[in-house]
Each structure stands twice: as C-alpha cells, then as structure tokens.
N, C-alpha and C. Protein backbone atom coordinates (compact mmCIF):
# COMPACT_ATOMS: atom_id res chain seq x y z
N UNK A 1 1.75 -58.87 -27.28
CA UNK A 1 2.43 -57.53 -27.41
C UNK A 1 1.47 -56.49 -27.79
N UNK A 2 0.40 -57.17 -28.61
CA UNK A 2 -0.76 -56.23 -29.04
C UNK A 2 -1.42 -55.63 -27.76
N UNK A 3 -1.69 -56.34 -27.15
CA UNK A 3 -2.23 -56.05 -25.73
C UNK A 3 -1.62 -54.99 -24.79
N UNK A 4 -0.16 -54.95 -25.10
CA UNK A 4 0.24 -53.96 -24.27
C UNK A 4 0.08 -52.69 -24.97
N UNK A 5 0.16 -52.67 -26.29
CA UNK A 5 0.20 -51.60 -27.16
C UNK A 5 -1.37 -50.87 -27.10
N UNK A 6 -2.36 -51.73 -26.84
CA UNK A 6 -3.45 -51.19 -27.09
C UNK A 6 -3.94 -50.02 -26.02
N UNK A 7 -3.82 -50.27 -24.90
CA UNK A 7 -4.15 -48.99 -24.06
C UNK A 7 -3.47 -47.68 -24.19
N UNK A 8 -2.18 -47.89 -24.98
CA UNK A 8 -1.85 -46.80 -25.50
C UNK A 8 -2.57 -46.09 -26.66
N UNK A 9 -2.69 -47.13 -27.59
CA UNK A 9 -3.79 -46.54 -28.74
C UNK A 9 -4.79 -45.81 -28.46
N UNK A 10 -5.51 -46.52 -27.18
CA UNK A 10 -6.90 -46.08 -26.80
C UNK A 10 -6.52 -44.52 -26.05
N UNK A 11 -5.54 -44.39 -25.20
CA UNK A 11 -5.04 -43.38 -24.92
C UNK A 11 -4.73 -42.14 -25.81
N UNK A 12 -3.81 -42.56 -26.79
CA UNK A 12 -3.81 -41.17 -28.11
C UNK A 12 -5.02 -40.99 -28.66
N UNK A 13 -5.82 -42.00 -28.87
CA UNK A 13 -7.16 -41.95 -29.49
C UNK A 13 -8.00 -40.82 -28.79
N UNK A 14 -8.02 -40.96 -27.51
CA UNK A 14 -8.82 -40.23 -26.77
C UNK A 14 -7.98 -38.82 -26.81
N UNK A 15 -6.90 -38.72 -26.44
CA UNK A 15 -6.00 -37.56 -26.70
C UNK A 15 -6.28 -36.54 -28.00
N UNK A 16 -6.26 -37.59 -28.89
CA UNK A 16 -6.88 -36.90 -30.45
C UNK A 16 -8.17 -36.33 -30.40
N UNK A 17 -8.87 -37.11 -29.81
CA UNK A 17 -10.56 -36.77 -30.07
C UNK A 17 -10.49 -35.57 -29.21
N UNK A 18 -9.87 -35.47 -28.09
CA UNK A 18 -10.02 -34.08 -27.08
C UNK A 18 -9.51 -32.92 -27.80
N UNK A 19 -8.49 -33.16 -28.70
CA UNK A 19 -7.86 -32.07 -29.53
C UNK A 19 -8.65 -31.47 -30.64
N UNK A 20 -9.01 -32.72 -31.30
CA UNK A 20 -10.27 -32.00 -31.85
C UNK A 20 -11.26 -31.52 -31.53
N UNK A 21 -11.93 -31.73 -30.64
CA UNK A 21 -12.99 -31.22 -29.85
C UNK A 21 -12.74 -29.54 -29.55
N UNK A 22 -11.46 -29.37 -29.10
CA UNK A 22 -10.99 -27.81 -28.81
C UNK A 22 -11.09 -27.45 -30.30
N UNK A 23 -10.53 -28.08 -31.38
CA UNK A 23 -10.22 -27.02 -32.55
C UNK A 23 -11.74 -26.84 -32.89
N UNK A 24 -12.56 -27.64 -32.71
CA UNK A 24 -13.86 -27.48 -33.28
C UNK A 24 -14.77 -26.24 -32.21
N UNK A 25 -14.24 -26.14 -31.05
CA UNK A 25 -14.85 -25.39 -30.47
C UNK A 25 -14.37 -23.90 -30.65
N UNK A 26 -12.97 -23.80 -30.99
CA UNK A 26 -12.09 -22.78 -31.36
C UNK A 26 -12.81 -21.81 -32.63
N UNK A 27 -13.25 -22.99 -33.51
CA UNK A 27 -13.71 -22.44 -34.99
C UNK A 27 -15.08 -22.20 -34.69
N UNK A 28 -15.94 -22.83 -33.85
CA UNK A 28 -17.12 -22.07 -33.77
C UNK A 28 -16.97 -20.89 -32.94
C-alpha cells in the first residue's frame, strides 16, 4: 500500500516545489 502511495507523494512534492519556485520568482 505504501509503495502505491509513494509515487503520488513524490509527484505532489515536486508540484509543491515548482509552485514555491514560481512564488519566489514572482516575489523577486
């Protein structure tokens, strides 16, 4: 079950990181 959820967590983390990068670029 955990192995099934893990790829989704990685995808979510990557999406979150890209959103944070966008916010930083907008602030700068």
